[in-house]
């Protein structure tokens, strides 16, 4: 009999979707932490450098840093949305697997009753 892959859980307690969700959640946390750190760095740089010192290269670096901070925050939000989709997919697949197991059990019972 071929090996069946469990969507709900396997012997190690996770499925490919669940592992992807865990990994995605970890990346989301890292991105959020990076955005927060970048925000603090930008705030310190802006406080420490008077406006007249924020010329050319420094001002451009600060602008780029601000842009990067926004992109990182948007990426964290995108990852959060992907996590929600993954969680929903895992739930739906688990429901389908349970229904399949019930159907198989009912079919096996019907076969055994017919054989009697």
Protein backbone atom coordinates (compact mmCIF):
# COMPACT_ATOMS: atom_id res chain seq x y z
CA UNK A 1 0.00 0.00 0.00
CA UNK A 2 1.47 3.41 -0.95
CA UNK A 3 2.49 5.76 1.81
CA UNK A 4 -0.09 8.46 2.43
CA UNK A 5 0.97 11.97 3.29
CA UNK A 6 -0.85 13.50 6.21
CA UNK A 7 -1.92 17.08 5.78
CA UNK A 8 -2.87 17.52 9.42
CA UNK A 9 0.33 16.21 10.95
CA UNK A 10 3.10 13.73 10.43
CA UNK A 11 5.31 11.87 12.83
CA UNK A 12 7.42 14.95 13.43
CA UNK A 13 4.31 17.04 14.11
CA UNK A 14 4.39 19.25 11.03
CA UNK A 15 3.52 19.27 7.37
CA UNK A 16 5.14 21.15 4.51
CA UNK A 17 2.47 23.85 4.79
CA UNK A 18 2.87 24.10 8.54
CA UNK A 19 6.65 24.32 8.21
CA UNK A 20 6.25 27.00 5.52
CA UNK A 21 3.96 28.93 7.84
CA UNK A 22 6.45 28.64 10.70
CA UNK A 23 9.30 29.78 8.47
CA UNK A 24 7.24 32.63 7.07
CA UNK A 25 6.30 33.72 10.59
CA UNK A 26 9.97 33.72 11.56
CA UNK A 27 10.87 35.85 8.53
CA UNK A 28 8.01 38.23 9.33
CA UNK A 29 9.33 38.69 12.86
CA UNK A 30 12.85 39.32 11.55
CA UNK A 31 11.58 41.87 9.04
CA UNK A 32 9.52 43.64 11.69
CA UNK A 33 12.48 43.72 14.06
CA UNK A 34 14.70 45.09 11.27
CA UNK A 35 12.15 47.81 10.50
CA UNK A 36 12.01 48.79 14.17
CA UNK A 37 15.80 48.90 14.45
CA UNK A 38 16.04 50.98 11.27
CA UNK A 39 13.42 53.36 12.67
CA UNK A 40 15.49 53.85 15.84
CA UNK A 41 18.69 54.37 13.85
CA UNK A 42 16.98 56.95 11.64
CA UNK A 43 15.57 58.76 14.65
CA UNK A 44 19.01 58.92 16.30
CA UNK A 45 20.70 60.10 13.12
CA UNK A 46 18.12 62.82 12.57
CA UNK A 47 18.45 64.03 16.18
CA UNK A 48 22.23 63.95 16.21
CA UNK A 49 22.69 65.73 12.88
CA UNK A 50 21.46 69.29 12.68
CA UNK A 51 19.65 70.19 9.44
CA UNK A 52 22.64 72.11 8.08
CA UNK A 53 24.81 68.99 8.55
CA UNK A 54 22.33 66.82 6.69
CA UNK A 55 23.75 67.81 3.32
CA UNK A 56 24.10 65.89 0.09
CA UNK A 57 25.30 62.37 0.85
CA UNK A 58 24.06 62.26 4.44
CA UNK A 59 20.65 63.62 3.49
CA UNK A 60 20.42 61.18 0.60
CA UNK A 61 21.42 58.29 2.88
CA UNK A 62 18.72 59.32 5.37
CA UNK A 63 16.12 59.48 2.60
CA UNK A 64 17.14 56.04 1.33
CA UNK A 65 17.04 54.73 4.87
CA UNK A 66 13.52 56.12 5.29
CA UNK A 67 12.46 54.48 2.02
CA UNK A 68 13.99 51.20 3.12
CA UNK A 69 12.21 51.41 6.45
CA UNK A 70 8.88 51.78 4.63
CA UNK A 71 9.63 48.87 2.28
CA UNK A 72 10.59 46.63 5.19
CA UNK A 73 7.40 47.51 7.06
CA UNK A 74 5.31 46.84 3.94
CA UNK A 75 7.08 43.50 3.52
CA UNK A 76 6.24 42.58 7.10
CA UNK A 77 2.59 43.41 6.44
CA UNK A 78 2.66 41.31 3.23
CA UNK A 79 4.15 38.41 5.16
CA UNK A 80 1.41 38.70 7.77
CA UNK A 81 -1.21 38.42 5.00
CA UNK A 82 0.56 35.39 3.53
CA UNK A 83 0.57 33.81 6.99
CA UNK A 84 -3.19 34.27 7.23
CA UNK A 85 -3.67 32.57 3.86
CA UNK A 86 -1.39 29.71 4.89
CA UNK A 87 -3.24 29.26 8.17
CA UNK A 88 -6.56 29.16 6.31
CA UNK A 89 -5.19 26.64 3.79
CA UNK A 90 -3.87 24.42 6.57
CA UNK A 91 -7.28 24.49 8.26
CA UNK A 92 -9.11 23.68 5.03
CA UNK A 93 -6.76 20.83 4.22
CA UNK A 94 -7.10 19.43 7.72
CA UNK A 95 -10.89 19.51 7.37
CA UNK A 96 -10.67 17.76 4.00
CA UNK A 97 -8.36 15.11 5.42
CA UNK A 98 -10.74 14.42 8.30
CA UNK A 99 -13.67 14.16 5.87
CA UNK A 100 -11.67 11.80 3.66
CA UNK A 101 -10.85 9.61 6.66
CA UNK A 102 -14.55 9.48 7.64
CA UNK A 103 -15.52 8.59 4.06
CA UNK A 104 -12.88 5.84 3.89
CA UNK A 105 -14.08 4.43 7.21
CA UNK A 106 -17.71 4.47 6.04
CA UNK A 107 -16.72 2.80 2.77
CA UNK A 108 -14.73 0.12 4.59
CA UNK A 109 -17.66 -0.50 6.94
CA UNK A 110 -20.09 -0.71 4.01
CA UNK A 111 -17.79 -3.18 2.24
CA UNK A 112 -17.50 -5.35 5.33
CA UNK A 113 -21.27 -5.34 5.85
CA UNK A 114 -21.80 -6.30 2.19
CA UNK A 115 -19.28 -9.13 2.52
CA UNK A 116 -21.21 -10.60 5.48
